[in-house]
């Protein structure tokens, strides 16, 4: 289980560059390692939907802020936010072959 995320980890999330479909999996691994599960809050992926619940814990909220700073991830994947720290992301677009097709 993770403690409060290090500044280097938050910076890595903010500046992560998606260069391939495989890099998406690397990014998700980074999120999972940084997320604090101590309060029963979770990070869950079912198919192409990534669900994050912060539970109001400041470290997880900082991860969400870092995600918002990552322009590509937030613009391509953000689906919804709800009061109470619930966030959903649609990974379908960024995992699609069309996203990575060279024009």
PDB file of N, CA and C in Angstrom:
ATOM      1  N   UNK A   1       0.835  -1.184   0.000  1.00  0.00           N
ATOM      2  CA  UNK A   1       0.000   0.000   0.000  1.00  0.00           C
ATOM      3  C   UNK A   1       0.878   1.245   0.000  1.00  0.00           C
ATOM      4  N   UNK A   2       0.393   2.234  -0.654  1.00  0.00           N
ATOM      5  CA  UNK A   2       1.164   3.463  -0.795  1.00  0.00           C
ATOM      6  C   UNK A   2       0.883   4.423   0.347  1.00  0.00           C
ATOM      7  N   UNK A   3       1.895   5.203   0.683  1.00  0.00           N
ATOM      8  CA  UNK A   3       1.717   6.321   1.597  1.00  0.00           C
ATOM      9  C   UNK A   3       1.409   7.543   0.736  1.00  0.00           C
ATOM     10  N   UNK A   4       1.591   8.722   1.319  1.00  0.00           N
ATOM     11  CA  UNK A   4       1.369   9.949   0.571  1.00  0.00           C
ATOM     12  C   UNK A   4       2.275   9.962  -0.655  1.00  0.00           C
ATOM     13  N   UNK A   5       1.747  10.302  -1.832  1.00  0.00           N
ATOM     14  CA  UNK A   5       2.583  10.257  -3.043  1.00  0.00           C
ATOM     15  C   UNK A   5       3.721  11.278  -2.998  1.00  0.00           C
ATOM     16  N   UNK A   6       4.880  10.845  -3.425  1.00  0.00           N
ATOM     17  CA  UNK A   6       6.057  11.711  -3.487  1.00  0.00           C
ATOM     18  C   UNK A   6       5.870  12.754  -4.588  1.00  0.00           C
ATOM     19  N   UNK A   7       6.538  13.883  -4.438  1.00  0.00           N
ATOM     20  CA  UNK A   7       6.483  14.934  -5.458  1.00  0.00           C
ATOM     21  C   UNK A   7       6.929  14.407  -6.824  1.00  0.00           C
ATOM     22  N   UNK A   8       7.952  13.551  -6.835  1.00  0.00           N
ATOM     23  CA  UNK A   8       8.438  12.981  -8.097  1.00  0.00           C
ATOM     24  C   UNK A   8       7.356  12.148  -8.780  1.00  0.00           C
ATOM     25  N   UNK A   9       6.569  11.435  -7.985  1.00  0.00           N
ATOM     26  CA  UNK A   9       5.485  10.623  -8.538  1.00  0.00           C
ATOM     27  C   UNK A   9       4.405  11.503  -9.134  1.00  0.00           C
ATOM     28  N   UNK A  10       4.034  12.554  -8.416  1.00  0.00           N
ATOM     29  CA  UNK A  10       3.025  13.481  -8.930  1.00  0.00           C
ATOM     30  C   UNK A  10       3.505  14.150 -10.212  1.00  0.00           C
ATOM     31  N   UNK A  11       4.766  14.524 -10.251  1.00  0.00           N
ATOM     32  CA  UNK A  11       5.331  15.119 -11.458  1.00  0.00           C
ATOM     33  C   UNK A  11       5.320  14.119 -12.613  1.00  0.00           C
ATOM     34  N   UNK A  12       5.631  12.866 -12.317  1.00  0.00           N
ATOM     35  CA  UNK A  12       5.610  11.827 -13.363  1.00  0.00           C
ATOM     36  C   UNK A  12       4.201  11.659 -13.935  1.00  0.00           C
ATOM     37  N   UNK A  13       3.183  11.731 -13.095  1.00  0.00           N
ATOM     38  CA  UNK A  13       1.800  11.637 -13.562  1.00  0.00           C
ATOM     39  C   UNK A  13       1.454  12.859 -14.412  1.00  0.00           C
ATOM     40  N   UNK A  14       1.829  14.030 -13.951  1.00  0.00           N
ATOM     41  CA  UNK A  14       1.524  15.281 -14.661  1.00  0.00           C
ATOM     42  C   UNK A  14       2.166  15.332 -16.042  1.00  0.00           C
ATOM     43  N   UNK A  15       3.375  14.820 -16.147  1.00  0.00           N
ATOM     44  CA  UNK A  15       4.156  14.984 -17.372  1.00  0.00           C
ATOM     45  C   UNK A  15       4.245  13.706 -18.205  1.00  0.00           C
ATOM     46  N   UNK A  16       3.543  12.653 -17.801  1.00  0.00           N
ATOM     47  CA  UNK A  16       3.628  11.378 -18.514  1.00  0.00           C
ATOM     48  C   UNK A  16       3.236  11.574 -19.974  1.00  0.00           C
ATOM     49  N   UNK A  17       4.051  11.039 -20.863  1.00  0.00           N
ATOM     50  CA  UNK A  17       3.774  11.137 -22.293  1.00  0.00           C
ATOM     51  C   UNK A  17       3.319   9.781 -22.813  1.00  0.00           C
ATOM     52  N   UNK A  18       2.170   9.787 -23.431  1.00  0.00           N
ATOM     53  CA  UNK A  18       1.618   8.570 -24.010  1.00  0.00           C
ATOM     54  C   UNK A  18       2.198   8.407 -25.406  1.00  0.00           C
ATOM     55  N   UNK A  19       2.999   7.370 -25.575  1.00  0.00           N
ATOM     56  CA  UNK A  19       3.671   7.167 -26.857  1.00  0.00           C
ATOM     57  C   UNK A  19       3.217   5.893 -27.565  1.00  0.00           C
ATOM     58  N   UNK A  20       2.456   5.054 -26.868  1.00  0.00           N
ATOM     59  CA  UNK A  20       1.970   3.805 -27.447  1.00  0.00           C
ATOM     60  C   UNK A  20       0.871   3.251 -26.551  1.00  0.00           C
ATOM     61  N   UNK A  21       0.191   2.227 -27.039  1.00  0.00           N
ATOM     62  CA  UNK A  21      -0.804   1.561 -26.202  1.00  0.00           C
ATOM     63  C   UNK A  21      -0.146   0.965 -24.965  1.00  0.00           C
ATOM     64  N   UNK A  22       1.054   0.438 -25.112  1.00  0.00           N
ATOM     65  CA  UNK A  22       1.765  -0.137 -23.964  1.00  0.00           C
ATOM     66  C   UNK A  22       2.063   0.921 -22.907  1.00  0.00           C
ATOM     67  N   UNK A  23       2.294   2.158 -23.329  1.00  0.00           N
ATOM     68  CA  UNK A  23       2.582   3.210 -22.358  1.00  0.00           C
ATOM     69  C   UNK A  23       1.361   3.505 -21.485  1.00  0.00           C
ATOM     70  N   UNK A  24       0.163   3.260 -22.002  1.00  0.00           N
ATOM     71  CA  UNK A  24      -1.053   3.438 -21.198  1.00  0.00           C
ATOM     72  C   UNK A  24      -1.019   2.488 -20.004  1.00  0.00           C
ATOM     73  N   UNK A  25      -0.616   1.258 -20.235  1.00  0.00           N
ATOM     74  CA  UNK A  25      -0.527   0.279 -19.144  1.00  0.00           C
ATOM     75  C   UNK A  25       0.537   0.688 -18.131  1.00  0.00           C
ATOM     76  N   UNK A  26       1.641   1.237 -18.599  1.00  0.00           N
ATOM     77  CA  UNK A  26       2.685   1.745 -17.700  1.00  0.00           C
ATOM     78  C   UNK A  26       2.128   2.867 -16.830  1.00  0.00           C
ATOM     79  N   UNK A  27       1.371   3.769 -17.458  1.00  0.00           N
ATOM     80  CA  UNK A  27       0.752   4.882 -16.738  1.00  0.00           C
ATOM     81  C   UNK A  27      -0.219   4.369 -15.668  1.00  0.00           C
ATOM     82  N   UNK A  28      -1.028   3.389 -16.010  1.00  0.00           N
ATOM     83  CA  UNK A  28      -1.979   2.830 -15.047  1.00  0.00           C
ATOM     84  C   UNK A  28      -1.252   2.149 -13.885  1.00  0.00           C
ATOM     85  N   UNK A  29      -0.129   1.528 -14.166  1.00  0.00           N
ATOM     86  CA  UNK A  29       0.684   0.936 -13.101  1.00  0.00           C
ATOM     87  C   UNK A  29       1.222   1.997 -12.157  1.00  0.00           C
ATOM     88  N   UNK A  30       1.628   3.125 -12.709  1.00  0.00           N
ATOM     89  CA  UNK A  30       2.093   4.254 -11.904  1.00  0.00           C
ATOM     90  C   UNK A  30       0.986   4.755 -10.988  1.00  0.00           C
ATOM     91  N   UNK A  31      -0.220   4.892 -11.530  1.00  0.00           N
ATOM     92  CA  UNK A  31      -1.359   5.335 -10.711  1.00  0.00           C
ATOM     93  C   UNK A  31      -1.656   4.355  -9.589  1.00  0.00           C
ATOM     94  N   UNK A  32      -1.690   3.073  -9.935  1.00  0.00           N
ATOM     95  CA  UNK A  32      -2.014   2.048  -8.936  1.00  0.00           C
ATOM     96  C   UNK A  32      -0.993   2.033  -7.801  1.00  0.00           C
ATOM     97  N   UNK A  33       0.270   2.202  -8.149  1.00  0.00           N
ATOM     98  CA  UNK A  33       1.322   2.200  -7.128  1.00  0.00           C
ATOM     99  C   UNK A  33       1.232   3.439  -6.233  1.00  0.00           C
ATOM    100  N   UNK A  34       0.778   4.550  -6.778  1.00  0.00           N
ATOM    101  CA  UNK A  34       0.713   5.795  -6.012  1.00  0.00           C
ATOM    102  C   UNK A  34      -0.545   5.893  -5.158  1.00  0.00           C
ATOM    103  N   UNK A  35      -1.608   5.213  -5.552  1.00  0.00           N
ATOM    104  CA  UNK A  35      -2.922   5.339  -4.901  1.00  0.00           C
ATOM    105  C   UNK A  35      -2.895   4.732  -3.509  1.00  0.00           C
ATOM    106  N   UNK A  36      -3.479   5.405  -2.542  1.00  0.00           N
ATOM    107  CA  UNK A  36      -3.542   4.902  -1.175  1.00  0.00           C
ATOM    108  C   UNK A  36      -4.871   4.189  -0.968  1.00  0.00           C
ATOM    109  N   UNK A  37      -4.798   2.919  -0.624  1.00  0.00           N
ATOM    110  CA  UNK A  37      -5.981   2.076  -0.431  1.00  0.00           C
ATOM    111  C   UNK A  37      -6.323   1.892   1.049  1.00  0.00           C
ATOM    112  N   UNK A  38      -5.620   2.570   1.930  1.00  0.00           N
ATOM    113  CA  UNK A  38      -5.779   2.356   3.369  1.00  0.00           C
ATOM    114  C   UNK A  38      -7.176   2.640   3.893  1.00  0.00           C
ATOM    115  N   UNK A  39      -7.914   3.496   3.231  1.00  0.00           N
ATOM    116  CA  UNK A  39      -9.220   3.903   3.743  1.00  0.00           C
ATOM    117  C   UNK A  39     -10.365   3.185   3.062  1.00  0.00           C
ATOM    118  N   UNK A  40     -10.082   2.166   2.298  1.00  0.00           N
ATOM    119  CA  UNK A  40     -11.113   1.447   1.590  1.00  0.00           C
ATOM    120  C   UNK A  40     -11.453   2.078   0.256  1.00  0.00           C
ATOM    121  N   UNK A  41     -10.836   3.217  -0.061  1.00  0.00           N
ATOM    122  CA  UNK A  41     -11.044   3.834  -1.346  1.00  0.00           C
ATOM    123  C   UNK A  41     -10.278   3.017  -2.372  1.00  0.00           C
ATOM    124  N   UNK A  42     -10.630   3.181  -3.610  1.00  0.00           N
ATOM    125  CA  UNK A  42     -10.006   2.273  -4.565  1.00  0.00           C
ATOM    126  C   UNK A  42      -9.778   2.887  -5.930  1.00  0.00           C
ATOM    127  N   UNK A  43      -8.970   2.142  -6.657  1.00  0.00           N
ATOM    128  CA  UNK A  43      -8.747   2.364  -8.071  1.00  0.00           C
ATOM    129  C   UNK A  43      -9.140   1.041  -8.722  1.00  0.00           C
ATOM    130  N   UNK A  44     -10.054   1.110  -9.682  1.00  0.00           N
ATOM    131  CA  UNK A  44     -10.563  -0.122 -10.285  1.00  0.00           C
ATOM    132  C   UNK A  44     -10.706   0.082 -11.787  1.00  0.00           C
ATOM    133  N   UNK A  45     -10.314  -0.939 -12.522  1.00  0.00           N
ATOM    134  CA  UNK A  45     -10.495  -0.919 -13.974  1.00  0.00           C
ATOM    135  C   UNK A  45     -11.358  -2.103 -14.367  1.00  0.00           C
ATOM    136  N   UNK A  46     -12.447  -1.801 -15.043  1.00  0.00           N
ATOM    137  CA  UNK A  46     -13.292  -2.831 -15.631  1.00  0.00           C
ATOM    138  C   UNK A  46     -13.401  -2.494 -17.108  1.00  0.00           C
ATOM    139  N   UNK A  47     -12.890  -3.387 -17.934  1.00  0.00           N
ATOM    140  CA  UNK A  47     -12.821  -3.159 -19.376  1.00  0.00           C
ATOM    141  C   UNK A  47     -12.103  -1.836 -19.634  1.00  0.00           C
ATOM    142  N   UNK A  48     -12.768  -0.896 -20.290  1.00  0.00           N
ATOM    143  CA  UNK A  48     -12.129   0.374 -20.625  1.00  0.00           C
ATOM    144  C   UNK A  48     -12.479   1.501 -19.657  1.00  0.00           C
ATOM    145  N   UNK A  49     -13.137   1.181 -18.551  1.00  0.00           N
ATOM    146  CA  UNK A  49     -13.506   2.210 -17.574  1.00  0.00           C
ATOM    147  C   UNK A  49     -12.597   2.133 -16.360  1.00  0.00           C
ATOM    148  N   UNK A  50     -11.953   3.242 -16.051  1.00  0.00           N
ATOM    149  CA  UNK A  50     -11.116   3.377 -14.864  1.00  0.00           C
ATOM    150  C   UNK A  50     -11.887   4.209 -13.854  1.00  0.00           C
ATOM    151  N   UNK A  51     -12.108   3.657 -12.663  1.00  0.00           N
ATOM    152  CA  UNK A  51     -12.828   4.355 -11.605  1.00  0.00           C
ATOM    153  C   UNK A  51     -11.874   4.625 -10.454  1.00  0.00           C
ATOM    154  N   UNK A  52     -11.853   5.867 -10.010  1.00  0.00           N
ATOM    155  CA  UNK A  52     -11.042   6.272  -8.871  1.00  0.00           C
ATOM    156  C   UNK A  52     -11.958   6.902  -7.835  1.00  0.00           C
ATOM    157  N   UNK A  53     -11.827   6.493  -6.582  1.00  0.00           N
ATOM    158  CA  UNK A  53     -12.555   7.112  -5.477  1.00  0.00           C
ATOM    159  C   UNK A  53     -11.523   7.557  -4.455  1.00  0.00           C
ATOM    160  N   UNK A  54     -11.460   8.859  -4.213  1.00  0.00           N
ATOM    161  CA  UNK A  54     -10.423   9.405  -3.337  1.00  0.00           C
ATOM    162  C   UNK A  54     -10.764   9.279  -1.865  1.00  0.00           C
ATOM    163  N   UNK A  55     -12.039   9.231  -1.536  1.00  0.00           N
ATOM    164  CA  UNK A  55     -12.451   9.217  -0.145  1.00  0.00           C
ATOM    165  C   UNK A  55     -12.083  10.499   0.581  1.00  0.00           C
ATOM    166  N   UNK A  56     -11.696  11.518  -0.178  1.00  0.00           N
ATOM    167  CA  UNK A  56     -11.319  12.785   0.426  1.00  0.00           C
ATOM    168  C   UNK A  56      -9.897  12.803   0.969  1.00  0.00           C
ATOM    169  N   UNK A  57      -9.164  11.687   0.843  1.00  0.00           N
ATOM    170  CA  UNK A  57      -7.793  11.657   1.347  1.00  0.00           C
ATOM    171  C   UNK A  57      -6.927  12.570   0.487  1.00  0.00           C
ATOM    172  N   UNK A  58      -6.187  13.469   1.110  1.00  0.00           N
ATOM    173  CA  UNK A  58      -5.454  14.506   0.395  1.00  0.00           C
ATOM    174  C   UNK A  58      -4.431  13.947  -0.597  1.00  0.00           C
ATOM    175  N   UNK A  59      -3.806  12.845  -0.296  1.00  0.00           N
ATOM    176  CA  UNK A  59      -2.837  12.254  -1.225  1.00  0.00           C
ATOM    177  C   UNK A  59      -3.496  11.800  -2.511  1.00  0.00           C
ATOM    178  N   UNK A  60      -4.660  11.145  -2.392  1.00  0.00           N
ATOM    179  CA  UNK A  60      -5.391  10.727  -3.589  1.00  0.00           C
ATOM    180  C   UNK A  60      -5.943  11.937  -4.339  1.00  0.00           C
ATOM    181  N   UNK A  61      -6.352  12.970  -3.597  1.00  0.00           N
ATOM    182  CA  UNK A  61      -6.812  14.210  -4.242  1.00  0.00           C
ATOM    183  C   UNK A  61      -5.671  14.863  -5.020  1.00  0.00           C
ATOM    184  N   UNK A  62      -4.457  14.789  -4.499  1.00  0.00           N
ATOM    185  CA  UNK A  62      -3.305  15.329  -5.219  1.00  0.00           C
ATOM    186  C   UNK A  62      -3.033  14.546  -6.503  1.00  0.00           C
ATOM    187  N   UNK A  63      -3.276  13.249  -6.473  1.00  0.00           N
ATOM    188  CA  UNK A  63      -3.130  12.438  -7.686  1.00  0.00           C
ATOM    189  C   UNK A  63      -4.148  12.881  -8.731  1.00  0.00           C
ATOM    190  N   UNK A  64      -5.383  13.139  -8.302  1.00  0.00           N
ATOM    191  CA  UNK A  64      -6.407  13.641  -9.227  1.00  0.00           C
ATOM    192  C   UNK A  64      -5.966  14.978  -9.824  1.00  0.00           C
ATOM    193  N   UNK A  65      -5.421  15.856  -8.998  1.00  0.00           N
ATOM    194  CA  UNK A  65      -4.922  17.145  -9.506  1.00  0.00           C
ATOM    195  C   UNK A  65      -3.816  16.944 -10.539  1.00  0.00           C
ATOM    196  N   UNK A  66      -2.947  15.971 -10.283  1.00  0.00           N
ATOM    197  CA  UNK A  66      -1.877  15.667 -11.240  1.00  0.00           C
ATOM    198  C   UNK A  66      -2.472  15.137 -12.548  1.00  0.00           C
ATOM    199  N   UNK A  67      -3.524  14.310 -12.439  1.00  0.00           N
ATOM    200  CA  UNK A  67      -4.197  13.811 -13.639  1.00  0.00           C
ATOM    201  C   UNK A  67      -4.805  14.956 -14.443  1.00  0.00           C
ATOM    202  N   UNK A  68      -5.392  15.925 -13.745  1.00  0.00           N
ATOM    203  CA  UNK A  68      -5.990  17.078 -14.429  1.00  0.00           C
ATOM    204  C   UNK A  68      -4.929  17.899 -15.166  1.00  0.00           C
ATOM    205  N   UNK A  69      -3.730  17.921 -14.635  1.00  0.00           N
ATOM    206  CA  UNK A  69      -2.633  18.647 -15.260  1.00  0.00           C
ATOM    207  C   UNK A  69      -2.129  17.932 -16.512  1.00  0.00           C
ATOM    208  N   UNK A  70      -2.307  16.604 -16.550  1.00  0.00           N
ATOM    209  CA  UNK A  70      -1.890  15.832 -17.724  1.00  0.00           C
ATOM    210  C   UNK A  70      -2.941  16.022 -18.809  1.00  0.00           C
ATOM    211  N   UNK A  71      -2.689  16.994 -19.681  1.00  0.00           N
ATOM    212  CA  UNK A  71      -3.667  17.429 -20.667  1.00  0.00           C
ATOM    213  C   UNK A  71      -4.198  16.279 -21.522  1.00  0.00           C
ATOM    214  N   UNK A  72      -3.305  15.439 -22.037  1.00  0.00           N
ATOM    215  CA  UNK A  72      -3.742  14.354 -22.913  1.00  0.00           C
ATOM    216  C   UNK A  72      -4.670  13.410 -22.170  1.00  0.00           C
ATOM    217  N   UNK A  73      -4.262  12.955 -21.002  1.00  0.00           N
ATOM    218  CA  UNK A  73      -5.099  12.004 -20.264  1.00  0.00           C
ATOM    219  C   UNK A  73      -6.459  12.617 -19.955  1.00  0.00           C
ATOM    220  N   UNK A  74      -6.475  13.822 -19.394  1.00  0.00           N
ATOM    221  CA  UNK A  74      -7.743  14.417 -18.957  1.00  0.00           C
ATOM    222  C   UNK A  74      -8.663  14.693 -20.145  1.00  0.00           C
ATOM    223  N   UNK A  75      -8.126  15.232 -21.225  1.00  0.00           N
ATOM    224  CA  UNK A  75      -8.957  15.584 -22.381  1.00  0.00           C
ATOM    225  C   UNK A  75      -9.467  14.349 -23.128  1.00  0.00           C
ATOM    226  N   UNK A  76      -8.668  13.312 -23.187  1.00  0.00           N
ATOM    227  CA  UNK A  76      -9.049  12.132 -23.956  1.00  0.00           C
ATOM    228  C   UNK A  76      -9.872  11.149 -23.119  1.00  0.00           C
ATOM    229  N   UNK A  77      -9.609  11.062 -21.821  1.00  0.00           N
ATOM    230  CA  UNK A  77     -10.197   9.991 -21.010  1.00  0.00           C
ATOM    231  C   UNK A  77     -11.240  10.413 -19.983  1.00  0.00           C
ATOM    232  N   UNK A  78     -11.218  11.661 -19.512  1.00  0.00           N
ATOM    233  CA  UNK A  78     -12.146  12.053 -18.452  1.00  0.00           C
ATOM    234  C   UNK A  78     -13.583  11.824 -18.889  1.00  0.00           C
ATOM    235  N   UNK A  79     -14.353  11.185 -18.008  1.00  0.00           N
ATOM    236  CA  UNK A  79     -15.748  10.870 -18.308  1.00  0.00           C
ATOM    237  C   UNK A  79     -16.689  11.594 -17.355  1.00  0.00           C
ATOM    238  N   UNK A  80     -16.429  11.474 -16.035  1.00  0.00           N
ATOM    239  CA  UNK A  80     -17.293  12.152 -15.070  1.00  0.00           C
ATOM    240  C   UNK A  80     -16.606  12.299 -13.734  1.00  0.00           C
ATOM    241  N   UNK A  81     -17.083  13.286 -12.987  1.00  0.00           N
ATOM    242  CA  UNK A  81     -16.662  13.524 -11.608  1.00  0.00           C
ATOM    243  C   UNK A  81     -17.917  13.714 -10.786  1.00  0.00           C
ATOM    244  N   UNK A  82     -17.930  13.158  -9.579  1.00  0.00           N
ATOM    245  CA  UNK A  82     -19.073  13.325  -8.681  1.00  0.00           C
ATOM    246  C   UNK A  82     -18.575  13.708  -7.293  1.00  0.00           C
ATOM    247  N   UNK A  83     -19.445  14.415  -6.597  1.00  0.00           N
ATOM    248  CA  UNK A  83     -19.147  14.789  -5.223  1.00  0.00           C
ATOM    249  C   UNK A  83     -18.801  13.526  -4.434  1.00  0.00           C
ATOM    250  N   UNK A  84     -17.867  13.664  -3.530  1.00  0.00           N
ATOM    251  CA  UNK A  84     -17.420  12.520  -2.743  1.00  0.00           C
ATOM    252  C   UNK A  84     -16.149  11.899  -3.278  1.00  0.00           C
ATOM    253  N   UNK A  85     -15.597  12.494  -4.334  1.00  0.00           N
ATOM    254  CA  UNK A  85     -14.314  12.016  -4.837  1.00  0.00           C
ATOM    255  C   UNK A  85     -14.393  10.877  -5.823  1.00  0.00           C
ATOM    256  N   UNK A  86     -15.502  10.750  -6.558  1.00  0.00           N
ATOM    257  CA  UNK A  86     -15.639   9.705  -7.571  1.00  0.00           C
ATOM    258  C   UNK A  86     -15.268  10.276  -8.930  1.00  0.00           C
ATOM    259  N   UNK A  87     -14.366   9.599  -9.615  1.00  0.00           N
ATOM    260  CA  UNK A  87     -13.944   9.996 -10.952  1.00  0.00           C
ATOM    261  C   UNK A  87     -13.964   8.767 -11.840  1.00  0.00           C
ATOM    262  N   UNK A  88     -14.465   8.940 -13.058  1.00  0.00           N
ATOM    263  CA  UNK A  88     -14.440   7.856 -14.040  1.00  0.00           C
ATOM    264  C   UNK A  88     -13.749   8.346 -15.303  1.00  0.00           C
ATOM    265  N   UNK A  89     -12.996   7.449 -15.885  1.00  0.00           N
ATOM    266  CA  UNK A  89     -12.257   7.737 -17.100  1.00  0.00           C
ATOM    267  C   UNK A  89     -12.520   6.633 -18.112  1.00  0.00           C
ATOM    268  N   UNK A  90     -12.701   7.022 -19.362  1.00  0.00           N
ATOM    269  CA  UNK A  90     -12.908   6.082 -20.455  1.00  0.00           C
ATOM    270  C   UNK A  90     -11.571   5.897 -21.166  1.00  0.00           C
ATOM    271  N   UNK A  91     -10.997   4.736 -21.002  1.00  0.00           N
ATOM    272  CA  UNK A  91      -9.696   4.455 -21.603  1.00  0.00           C
ATOM    273  C   UNK A  91      -9.818   3.985 -23.047  1.00  0.00           C
ATOM    274  N   UNK A  92     -11.058   3.782 -23.520  1.00  0.00           N
ATOM    275  CA  UNK A  92     -11.284   3.235 -24.860  1.00  0.00           C
ATOM    276  C   UNK A  92     -10.623   4.028 -25.963  1.00  0.00           C
ATOM    277  N   UNK A  93     -10.721   5.359 -25.900  1.00  0.00           N
ATOM    278  CA  UNK A  93     -10.128   6.177 -26.961  1.00  0.00           C
ATOM    279  C   UNK A  93      -8.618   6.054 -26.996  1.00  0.00           C
ATOM    280  N   UNK A  94      -8.000   6.122 -25.850  1.00  0.00           N
ATOM    281  CA  UNK A  94      -6.532   6.117 -25.802  1.00  0.00           C
ATOM    282  C   UNK A  94      -5.953   4.715 -26.038  1.00  0.00           C
ATOM    283  N   UNK A  95      -6.791   3.694 -25.882  1.00  0.00           N
ATOM    284  CA  UNK A  95      -6.353   2.329 -26.166  1.00  0.00           C
ATOM    285  C   UNK A  95      -6.713   1.893 -27.586  1.00  0.00           C
ATOM    286  N   UNK A  96      -7.461   2.714 -28.296  1.00  0.00           N
ATOM    287  CA  UNK A  96      -7.929   2.385 -29.639  1.00  0.00           C
ATOM    288  C   UNK A  96      -6.789   2.432 -30.648  1.00  0.00           C
ATOM    289  N   UNK A  97      -6.815   1.512 -31.593  1.00  0.00           N
ATOM    290  CA  UNK A  97      -5.846   1.546 -32.680  1.00  0.00           C
ATOM    291  C   UNK A  97      -5.947   2.841 -33.469  1.00  0.00           C
ATOM    292  N   UNK A  98      -7.155   3.398 -33.572  1.00  0.00           N
ATOM    293  CA  UNK A  98      -7.355   4.643 -34.303  1.00  0.00           C
ATOM    294  C   UNK A  98      -6.583   5.796 -33.663  1.00  0.00           C
ATOM    295  N   UNK A  99      -6.499   5.782 -32.335  1.00  0.00           N
ATOM    296  CA  UNK A  99      -5.770   6.841 -31.635  1.00  0.00           C
ATOM    297  C   UNK A  99      -4.302   6.841 -32.023  1.00  0.00           C
ATOM    298  N   UNK A 100      -3.753   5.651 -32.242  1.00  0.00           N
ATOM    299  CA  UNK A 100      -2.329   5.514 -32.519  1.00  0.00           C
ATOM    300  C   UNK A 100      -2.006   5.434 -34.004  1.00  0.00           C
ATOM    301  N   UNK A 101      -3.033   5.439 -34.856  1.00  0.00           N
ATOM    302  CA  UNK A 101      -2.797   5.353 -36.308  1.00  0.00           C
ATOM    303  C   UNK A 101      -2.079   6.615 -36.801  1.00  0.00           C
ATOM    304  N   UNK A 102      -1.107   6.406 -37.594  1.00  0.00           N
ATOM    305  CA  UNK A 102      -0.382   7.539 -38.201  1.00  0.00           C
ATOM    306  C   UNK A 102      -1.095   7.939 -39.483  1.00  0.00           C
ATOM    307  N   UNK A 103      -1.411   9.223 -39.596  1.00  0.00           N
ATOM    308  CA  UNK A 103      -2.192   9.709 -40.733  1.00  0.00           C
ATOM    309  C   UNK A 103      -1.426  10.042 -41.925  1.00  0.00           C
TER     310      UNK A 103
END
